[in-house]
C-alpha atoms as a PDB file:
ATOM      1  CA  UNK A   1      18.454   0.812  33.064  1.00  0.00           C
ATOM      2  CA  UNK A   2      17.813  -1.247  29.659  1.00  0.00           C
ATOM      3  CA  UNK A   3      16.913   0.280  26.476  1.00  0.00           C
ATOM      4  CA  UNK A   4      13.100   1.230  25.939  1.00  0.00           C
ATOM      5  CA  UNK A   5      11.263  -0.060  22.607  1.00  0.00           C
ATOM      6  CA  UNK A   6       7.888   0.545  21.532  1.00  0.00           C
ATOM      7  CA  UNK A   7       6.082  -1.460  19.559  1.00  0.00           C
ATOM      8  CA  UNK A   8       3.080  -0.376  18.017  1.00  0.00           C
ATOM      9  CA  UNK A   9       0.684  -3.326  17.670  1.00  0.00           C
ATOM     10  CA  UNK A  10       1.955  -5.338  20.088  1.00  0.00           C
ATOM     11  CA  UNK A  11      -1.354  -7.056  20.694  1.00  0.00           C
ATOM     12  CA  UNK A  12      -1.371  -8.770  16.968  1.00  0.00           C
ATOM     13  CA  UNK A  13      -0.069 -11.748  16.046  1.00  0.00           C
ATOM     14  CA  UNK A  14       3.527 -10.589  15.409  1.00  0.00           C
ATOM     15  CA  UNK A  15       3.685  -8.616  18.433  1.00  0.00           C
ATOM     16  CA  UNK A  16       2.405 -11.278  20.537  1.00  0.00           C
ATOM     17  CA  UNK A  17       5.884 -13.502  19.489  1.00  0.00           C
ATOM     18  CA  UNK A  18       7.920 -10.290  19.260  1.00  0.00           C
ATOM     19  CA  UNK A  19       7.202  -8.872  22.980  1.00  0.00           C
ATOM     20  CA  UNK A  20       8.574 -11.878  24.559  1.00  0.00           C
ATOM     21  CA  UNK A  21      11.737 -11.975  22.417  1.00  0.00           C
ATOM     22  CA  UNK A  22      12.565  -8.257  23.129  1.00  0.00           C
ATOM     23  CA  UNK A  23      12.280  -8.974  26.987  1.00  0.00           C
ATOM     24  CA  UNK A  24      14.653 -12.067  26.829  1.00  0.00           C
ATOM     25  CA  UNK A  25      16.941  -9.792  24.853  1.00  0.00           C
ATOM     26  CA  UNK A  26      17.152  -7.672  27.959  1.00  0.00           C
ATOM     27  CA  UNK A  27      14.742  -4.657  26.451  1.00  0.00           C
ATOM     28  CA  UNK A  28      12.132  -2.656  28.400  1.00  0.00           C
ATOM     29  CA  UNK A  29       9.045  -2.966  26.083  1.00  0.00           C
ATOM     30  CA  UNK A  30       6.193  -0.605  25.765  1.00  0.00           C
ATOM     31  CA  UNK A  31       3.552  -2.244  23.714  1.00  0.00           C
ATOM     32  CA  UNK A  32       0.781  -0.101  22.003  1.00  0.00           C
ATOM     33  CA  UNK A  33      -3.101  -1.245  21.351  1.00  0.00           C
ATOM     34  CA  UNK A  34      -5.926   0.989  20.834  1.00  0.00           C
ATOM     35  CA  UNK A  35      -8.423  -1.835  22.416  1.00  0.00           C
ATOM     36  CA  UNK A  36      -8.176  -1.267  26.614  1.00  0.00           C
ATOM     37  CA  UNK A  37      -9.299  -4.977  27.086  1.00  0.00           C
ATOM     38  CA  UNK A  38      -6.375  -6.213  25.851  1.00  0.00           C
ATOM     39  CA  UNK A  39      -3.476  -4.451  28.177  1.00  0.00           C
ATOM     40  CA  UNK A  40      -3.879  -7.881  30.371  1.00  0.00           C
ATOM     41  CA  UNK A  41      -2.422  -9.689  27.730  1.00  0.00           C
ATOM     42  CA  UNK A  42       0.354  -7.447  27.139  1.00  0.00           C
ATOM     43  CA  UNK A  43       1.024  -7.308  30.969  1.00  0.00           C
ATOM     44  CA  UNK A  44       1.170 -11.002  30.683  1.00  0.00           C
ATOM     45  CA  UNK A  45       3.375 -11.361  28.222  1.00  0.00           C
ATOM     46  CA  UNK A  46       5.948  -8.637  30.263  1.00  0.00           C
ATOM     47  CA  UNK A  47       5.123  -5.484  28.013  1.00  0.00           C
ATOM     48  CA  UNK A  48       3.923  -2.366  29.750  1.00  0.00           C
ATOM     49  CA  UNK A  49       0.458  -1.645  27.696  1.00  0.00           C
ATOM     50  CA  UNK A  50      -0.266   1.677  26.436  1.00  0.00           C
ATOM     51  CA  UNK A  51      -3.940   2.535  25.182  1.00  0.00           C
ATOM     52  CA  UNK A  52      -3.363   4.677  21.992  1.00  0.00           C
ATOM     53  CA  UNK A  53      -4.833   5.315  18.581  1.00  0.00           C
ATOM     54  CA  UNK A  54      -2.120   5.833  16.197  1.00  0.00           C
ATOM     55  CA  UNK A  55      -4.521   8.104  14.429  1.00  0.00           C
ATOM     56  CA  UNK A  56      -4.929  10.466  17.226  1.00  0.00           C
ATOM     57  CA  UNK A  57      -1.730  12.601  16.819  1.00  0.00           C
ATOM     58  CA  UNK A  58      -1.487  14.422  19.857  1.00  0.00           C
ATOM     59  CA  UNK A  59      -2.255  11.182  22.374  1.00  0.00           C
ATOM     60  CA  UNK A  60       0.412   9.352  20.123  1.00  0.00           C
ATOM     61  CA  UNK A  61       3.129  12.226  20.483  1.00  0.00           C
ATOM     62  CA  UNK A  62       2.527  12.506  23.922  1.00  0.00           C
ATOM     63  CA  UNK A  63       2.760   8.596  24.866  1.00  0.00           C
ATOM     64  CA  UNK A  64       5.957   8.290  22.844  1.00  0.00           C
ATOM     65  CA  UNK A  65       7.573  11.647  24.406  1.00  0.00           C
ATOM     66  CA  UNK A  66       6.677  10.155  27.733  1.00  0.00           C
ATOM     67  CA  UNK A  67       8.408   6.825  27.283  1.00  0.00           C
ATOM     68  CA  UNK A  68      11.220   8.350  25.058  1.00  0.00           C
ATOM     69  CA  UNK A  69      12.172   4.788  23.586  1.00  0.00           C
ATOM     70  CA  UNK A  70      15.305   3.933  21.645  1.00  0.00           C
ATOM     71  CA  UNK A  71      13.746   2.780  18.642  1.00  0.00           C
ATOM     72  CA  UNK A  72       9.687   2.098  17.706  1.00  0.00           C
ATOM     73  CA  UNK A  73       8.599  -1.189  16.079  1.00  0.00           C
ATOM     74  CA  UNK A  74       5.908  -0.491  13.772  1.00  0.00           C
ATOM     75  CA  UNK A  75       3.575  -4.247  13.291  1.00  0.00           C
ATOM     76  CA  UNK A  76       0.551  -2.120  12.924  1.00  0.00           C
ATOM     77  CA  UNK A  77      -2.462  -3.732  10.491  1.00  0.00           C
ATOM     78  CA  UNK A  78      -6.192  -3.248  10.400  1.00  0.00           C
ATOM     79  CA  UNK A  79      -7.381  -6.835   8.848  1.00  0.00           C
ATOM     80  CA  UNK A  80     -10.499  -9.185   9.311  1.00  0.00           C
ATOM     81  CA  UNK A  81     -10.218 -12.105  11.141  1.00  0.00           C
ATOM     82  CA  UNK A  82      -9.034 -14.954   9.186  1.00  0.00           C
ATOM     83  CA  UNK A  83      -8.983 -12.464   6.266  1.00  0.00           C
ATOM     84  CA  UNK A  84     -12.488 -12.989   5.412  1.00  0.00           C
ATOM     85  CA  UNK A  85     -13.150 -12.510   1.573  1.00  0.00           C
ATOM     86  CA  UNK A  86     -16.289 -10.452   2.147  1.00  0.00           C
ATOM     87  CA  UNK A  87     -14.613  -8.137   4.522  1.00  0.00           C
ATOM     88  CA  UNK A  88     -11.122  -7.670   2.762  1.00  0.00           C
ATOM     89  CA  UNK A  89     -12.381  -4.986  -0.015  1.00  0.00           C
ATOM     90  CA  UNK A  90     -13.125  -2.773   2.911  1.00  0.00           C
ATOM     91  CA  UNK A  91     -10.294  -3.665   5.074  1.00  0.00           C
ATOM     92  CA  UNK A  92      -7.838  -3.206   2.184  1.00  0.00           C
ATOM     93  CA  UNK A  93      -8.562   0.733   2.541  1.00  0.00           C
ATOM     94  CA  UNK A  94      -8.478   0.847   6.361  1.00  0.00           C
ATOM     95  CA  UNK A  95      -4.960  -1.069   6.292  1.00  0.00           C
ATOM     96  CA  UNK A  96      -3.609   1.186   3.754  1.00  0.00           C
ATOM     97  CA  UNK A  97      -4.800   4.421   5.760  1.00  0.00           C
ATOM     98  CA  UNK A  98      -2.679   2.512   8.410  1.00  0.00           C
ATOM     99  CA  UNK A  99       0.313   2.166   6.675  1.00  0.00           C
ATOM    100  CA  UNK A 100      -0.150   5.578   5.160  1.00  0.00           C
ATOM    101  CA  UNK A 101      -1.471   8.227   7.226  1.00  0.00           C
ATOM    102  CA  UNK A 102      -0.748   5.926  10.613  1.00  0.00           C
ATOM    103  CA  UNK A 103       3.132   5.469   9.635  1.00  0.00           C
ATOM    104  CA  UNK A 104       3.402   9.133   9.160  1.00  0.00           C
ATOM    105  CA  UNK A 105       1.946   9.671  12.522  1.00  0.00           C
ATOM    106  CA  UNK A 106       4.008   7.167  14.170  1.00  0.00           C
ATOM    107  CA  UNK A 107       7.124   8.336  12.290  1.00  0.00           C
ATOM    108  CA  UNK A 108       6.617  12.220  13.278  1.00  0.00           C
ATOM    109  CA  UNK A 109       6.022  11.075  17.056  1.00  0.00           C
ATOM    110  CA  UNK A 110       9.354   9.027  17.079  1.00  0.00           C
ATOM    111  CA  UNK A 111      10.969  12.229  16.094  1.00  0.00           C
ATOM    112  CA  UNK A 112       9.732  13.999  18.611  1.00  0.00           C
ATOM    113  CA  UNK A 113      10.458  11.509  21.163  1.00  0.00           C
ATOM    114  CA  UNK A 114      14.152  11.098  20.220  1.00  0.00           C
ATOM    115  CA  UNK A 115      13.939   7.767  18.865  1.00  0.00           C
ATOM    116  CA  UNK A 116      16.865   6.758  16.718  1.00  0.00           C
ATOM    117  CA  UNK A 117      15.263   3.684  15.284  1.00  0.00           C
ATOM    118  CA  UNK A 118      12.495   2.669  13.322  1.00  0.00           C
ATOM    119  CA  UNK A 119      11.677  -1.024  12.327  1.00  0.00           C
ATOM    120  CA  UNK A 120       8.217  -1.429  10.272  1.00  0.00           C
ATOM    121  CA  UNK A 121       6.361  -4.299   8.558  1.00  0.00           C
ATOM    122  CA  UNK A 122       5.520  -4.294   4.534  1.00  0.00           C
ATOM    123  CA  UNK A 123       4.775  -7.136   2.524  1.00  0.00           C
ATOM    124  CA  UNK A 124       6.654  -8.982  -0.115  1.00  0.00           C
ATOM    125  CA  UNK A 125       3.828  -9.627  -2.756  1.00  0.00           C
ATOM    126  CA  UNK A 126       3.687  -6.427  -4.495  1.00  0.00           C
ATOM    127  CA  UNK A 127       6.729  -6.376  -6.581  1.00  0.00           C
ATOM    128  CA  UNK A 128       6.221  -5.805 -10.146  1.00  0.00           C
ATOM    129  CA  UNK A 129       6.230  -8.211 -12.465  1.00  0.00           C
ATOM    130  CA  UNK A 130       9.842  -9.289 -13.800  1.00  0.00           C
ATOM    131  CA  UNK A 131      12.812 -11.893 -13.215  1.00  0.00           C
ATOM    132  CA  UNK A 132      12.403 -14.074 -10.419  1.00  0.00           C
ATOM    133  CA  UNK A 133      13.266 -14.250  -7.777  1.00  0.00           C
ATOM    134  CA  UNK A 134      12.451 -10.382  -6.700  1.00  0.00           C
ATOM    135  CA  UNK A 135      15.001  -8.957  -4.549  1.00  0.00           C
ATOM    136  CA  UNK A 136      14.898  -5.651  -2.528  1.00  0.00           C
ATOM    137  CA  UNK A 137      16.194  -3.559  -5.624  1.00  0.00           C
ATOM    138  CA  UNK A 138      13.189  -4.737  -7.543  1.00  0.00           C
ATOM    139  CA  UNK A 139      10.602  -2.032  -7.962  1.00  0.00           C
ATOM    140  CA  UNK A 140       6.795  -1.999  -6.541  1.00  0.00           C
ATOM    141  CA  UNK A 141       4.059  -2.650  -8.749  1.00  0.00           C
ATOM    142  CA  UNK A 142       2.852   0.974  -8.829  1.00  0.00           C
ATOM    143  CA  UNK A 143       1.120   0.851 -12.176  1.00  0.00           C
ATOM    144  CA  UNK A 144      -1.600  -1.816 -10.907  1.00  0.00           C
ATOM    145  CA  UNK A 145      -5.260  -0.950 -10.486  1.00  0.00           C
ATOM    146  CA  UNK A 146      -8.020  -1.832  -8.265  1.00  0.00           C
ATOM    147  CA  UNK A 147      -7.490  -3.124  -4.744  1.00  0.00           C
ATOM    148  CA  UNK A 148      -3.886  -4.085  -5.430  1.00  0.00           C
ATOM    149  CA  UNK A 149      -3.432  -0.577  -6.176  1.00  0.00           C
ATOM    150  CA  UNK A 150      -4.849   0.465  -2.577  1.00  0.00           C
ATOM    151  CA  UNK A 151      -2.535  -1.864  -1.198  1.00  0.00           C
ATOM    152  CA  UNK A 152       0.632  -1.178  -3.119  1.00  0.00           C
ATOM    153  CA  UNK A 153       0.195   2.569  -2.710  1.00  0.00           C
ATOM    154  CA  UNK A 154      -0.173   1.870   1.049  1.00  0.00           C
ATOM    155  CA  UNK A 155       2.990   0.053   1.015  1.00  0.00           C
ATOM    156  CA  UNK A 156       4.748   2.674  -0.811  1.00  0.00           C
ATOM    157  CA  UNK A 157       3.804   5.481   1.335  1.00  0.00           C
ATOM    158  CA  UNK A 158       4.614   3.355   4.736  1.00  0.00           C
ATOM    159  CA  UNK A 159       8.350   2.549   3.076  1.00  0.00           C
ATOM    160  CA  UNK A 160       8.764   6.426   2.010  1.00  0.00           C
ATOM    161  CA  UNK A 161       8.164   7.991   5.532  1.00  0.00           C
ATOM    162  CA  UNK A 162      10.196   4.938   7.313  1.00  0.00           C
ATOM    163  CA  UNK A 163      13.368   5.094   5.180  1.00  0.00           C
ATOM    164  CA  UNK A 164      13.298   8.895   3.517  1.00  0.00           C
ATOM    165  CA  UNK A 165      12.777  10.508   7.135  1.00  0.00           C
ATOM    166  CA  UNK A 166      15.903  12.309   8.208  1.00  0.00           C
ATOM    167  CA  UNK A 167      17.506  11.624  11.950  1.00  0.00           C
ATOM    168  CA  UNK A 168      15.955   8.172  11.939  1.00  0.00           C
ATOM    169  CA  UNK A 169      17.435   5.023  10.829  1.00  0.00           C
ATOM    170  CA  UNK A 170      14.804   3.047   9.015  1.00  0.00           C
ATOM    171  CA  UNK A 171      14.452  -0.823   8.249  1.00  0.00           C
ATOM    172  CA  UNK A 172      11.506  -2.233   6.295  1.00  0.00           C
ATOM    173  CA  UNK A 173      10.819  -6.088   6.674  1.00  0.00           C
ATOM    174  CA  UNK A 174       9.005  -7.362   3.585  1.00  0.00           C
ATOM    175  CA  UNK A 175       7.502 -10.259   5.069  1.00  0.00           C
ATOM    176  CA  UNK A 176       5.566 -13.227   3.252  1.00  0.00           C
ATOM    177  CA  UNK A 177       2.556 -14.645   4.150  1.00  0.00           C
ATOM    178  CA  UNK A 178       2.052 -15.276   7.731  1.00  0.00           C
ATOM    179  CA  UNK A 179       1.165 -18.590   9.328  1.00  0.00           C
ATOM    180  CA  UNK A 180       1.472 -20.013  12.868  1.00  0.00           C
ATOM    181  CA  UNK A 181       0.112 -18.904  16.337  1.00  0.00           C
ATOM    182  CA  UNK A 182      -2.385 -16.120  15.763  1.00  0.00           C
ATOM    183  CA  UNK A 183      -2.659 -15.969  12.218  1.00  0.00           C
ATOM    184  CA  UNK A 184      -5.315 -17.341   9.694  1.00  0.00           C
ATOM    185  CA  UNK A 185      -3.098 -20.288   8.435  1.00  0.00           C
ATOM    186  CA  UNK A 186      -2.195 -23.064  10.481  1.00  0.00           C
ATOM    187  CA  UNK A 187       0.600 -24.143   7.623  1.00  0.00           C
ATOM    188  CA  UNK A 188       2.544 -22.369   4.781  1.00  0.00           C
ATOM    189  CA  UNK A 189       0.293 -20.862   2.284  1.00  0.00           C
ATOM    190  CA  UNK A 190       0.752 -19.009  -0.677  1.00  0.00           C
ATOM    191  CA  UNK A 191       3.912 -17.976  -2.634  1.00  0.00           C
ATOM    192  CA  UNK A 192       6.357 -16.748   0.047  1.00  0.00           C
ATOM    193  CA  UNK A 193       5.241 -18.032   3.144  1.00  0.00           C
ATOM    194  CA  UNK A 194       6.696 -17.132   6.652  1.00  0.00           C
ATOM    195  CA  UNK A 195       6.165 -18.477  10.048  1.00  0.00           C
ATOM    196  CA  UNK A 196       5.082 -15.410  12.856  1.00  0.00           C
ATOM    197  CA  UNK A 197       7.779 -16.336  15.353  1.00  0.00           C
ATOM    198  CA  UNK A 198      10.386 -16.234  12.576  1.00  0.00           C
ATOM    199  CA  UNK A 199       8.927 -12.852  10.953  1.00  0.00           C
ATOM    200  CA  UNK A 200       9.326 -11.829  15.003  1.00  0.00           C
ATOM    201  CA  UNK A 201      12.985 -12.714  14.982  1.00  0.00           C
ATOM    202  CA  UNK A 202      13.509 -10.866  11.793  1.00  0.00           C
ATOM    203  CA  UNK A 203      12.566  -7.473  13.996  1.00  0.00           C
ATOM    204  CA  UNK A 204      14.628  -8.081  16.549  1.00  0.00           C
ATOM    205  CA  UNK A 205      17.629  -8.584  14.450  1.00  0.00           C
ATOM    206  CA  UNK A 206      16.893  -5.957  12.312  1.00  0.00           C
ATOM    207  CA  UNK A 207      16.611  -3.589  15.590  1.00  0.00           C
ATOM    208  CA  UNK A 208      20.354  -4.282  15.698  1.00  0.00           C
ATOM    209  CA  UNK A 209      21.377  -3.541  12.548  1.00  0.00           C
ATOM    210  CA  UNK A 210      23.062  -0.478  12.069  1.00  0.00           C
ATOM    211  CA  UNK A 211      22.562   0.761   8.576  1.00  0.00           C
ATOM    212  CA  UNK A 212      18.796   0.251   8.466  1.00  0.00           C
ATOM    213  CA  UNK A 213      17.209  -0.349   4.789  1.00  0.00           C
ATOM    214  CA  UNK A 214      14.577  -3.062   2.935  1.00  0.00           C
ATOM    215  CA  UNK A 215      14.960  -7.003   3.496  1.00  0.00           C
ATOM    216  CA  UNK A 216      12.497  -9.612   2.486  1.00  0.00           C
ATOM    217  CA  UNK A 217      11.532 -12.169   5.049  1.00  0.00           C
ATOM    218  CA  UNK A 218      10.443 -15.693   4.130  1.00  0.00           C
ATOM    219  CA  UNK A 219      11.009 -18.928   3.614  1.00  0.00           C
ATOM    220  CA  UNK A 220      12.491 -20.150   0.462  1.00  0.00           C
ATOM    221  CA  UNK A 221      10.697 -19.869  -2.313  1.00  0.00           C
ATOM    222  CA  UNK A 222      11.068 -19.015  -6.168  1.00  0.00           C
ATOM    223  CA  UNK A 223       9.107 -15.732  -6.100  1.00  0.00           C
ATOM    224  CA  UNK A 224      11.259 -13.908  -3.535  1.00  0.00           C
ATOM    225  CA  UNK A 225      14.649 -14.194  -2.270  1.00  0.00           C
ATOM    226  CA  UNK A 226      15.603 -13.632   1.405  1.00  0.00           C
ATOM    227  CA  UNK A 227      19.263 -13.956   0.971  1.00  0.00           C
ATOM    228  CA  UNK A 228      20.082 -10.165   2.162  1.00  0.00           C
ATOM    229  CA  UNK A 229      18.448 -11.074   5.574  1.00  0.00           C
ATOM    230  CA  UNK A 230      20.358 -14.276   5.961  1.00  0.00           C
ATOM    231  CA  UNK A 231      23.667 -12.307   5.091  1.00  0.00           C
ATOM    232  CA  UNK A 232      23.399  -8.936   6.912  1.00  0.00           C
ATOM    233  CA  UNK A 233      20.690  -9.854   9.631  1.00  0.00           C
ATOM    234  CA  UNK A 234      21.780 -13.668  10.529  1.00  0.00           C
ATOM    235  CA  UNK A 235      18.168 -14.375   9.964  1.00  0.00           C
ATOM    236  CA  UNK A 236      16.863 -17.644   8.825  1.00  0.00           C
ATOM    237  CA  UNK A 237      13.443 -18.917   8.540  1.00  0.00           C
ATOM    238  CA  UNK A 238      13.675 -21.855  10.879  1.00  0.00           C
ATOM    239  CA  UNK A 239      14.048 -19.483  13.918  1.00  0.00           C
ATOM    240  CA  UNK A 240      11.109 -19.700  16.388  1.00  0.00           C
ATOM    241  CA  UNK A 241      10.376 -18.813  20.024  1.00  0.00           C
ATOM    242  CA  UNK A 242      11.376 -21.992  21.825  1.00  0.00           C
ATOM    243  CA  UNK A 243      14.270 -23.489  21.733  1.00  0.00           C
ATOM    244  CA  UNK A 244      15.468 -20.061  22.666  1.00  0.00           C
ATOM    245  CA  UNK A 245      18.148 -19.018  20.002  1.00  0.00           C
ATOM    246  CA  UNK A 246      20.097 -16.336  18.167  1.00  0.00           C
ATOM    247  CA  UNK A 247      20.028 -12.970  19.919  1.00  0.00           C
ATOM    248  CA  UNK A 248      21.842 -12.140  22.976  1.00  0.00           C
ATOM    249  CA  UNK A 249      21.103  -9.575  25.266  1.00  0.00           C
END
């Protein structure tokens, strides 16, 4: 029987690319969404849909204990379509809650289910000012203010939960700004872009990395270095869903 993986946020942009990669690599994938109408799309990609809200702690715990996945991949966000600027102020608070409270709930449920690994989505543009390019050891911008502070605090809470929980090997992927299918950008945008399919590959490769830790995941750029991911994960920014490459089952 193949190992079971629980993908939280499997119907999102990264999740949609990630599910078929995991299945091709030989895993049995359970994909969560809080919206029942998305279950068919998950089934069409080969996942077993799980309708659950990360803020419903009991339902989440019961679902993960029933599945007993070897690993959990956290790709949950709560952002408006096309990152509509008029909606982003409220969305920043919702998204920070997903990263803080939602991550705590997911980590607790994973522990209760006996999961051994957790890979989580973070972001690469919340470093404090300093020498460039930023590497994983550089501090986050915890002294910032306003809406940026909301986002940075959410990221910091997520990373503490994922990396600091005994019993689980945690990996944090600090992604650049997504572009490609299912995202708000058709092409590269911002200081540290990353194609959504290359981002999905990073999660697959991180799943197999024994030590866990933090990795920047972005195309080569002056702001953020992804050399650690290239060296330790065998990741590179040109990875895509097709042609199939990179991971053997």
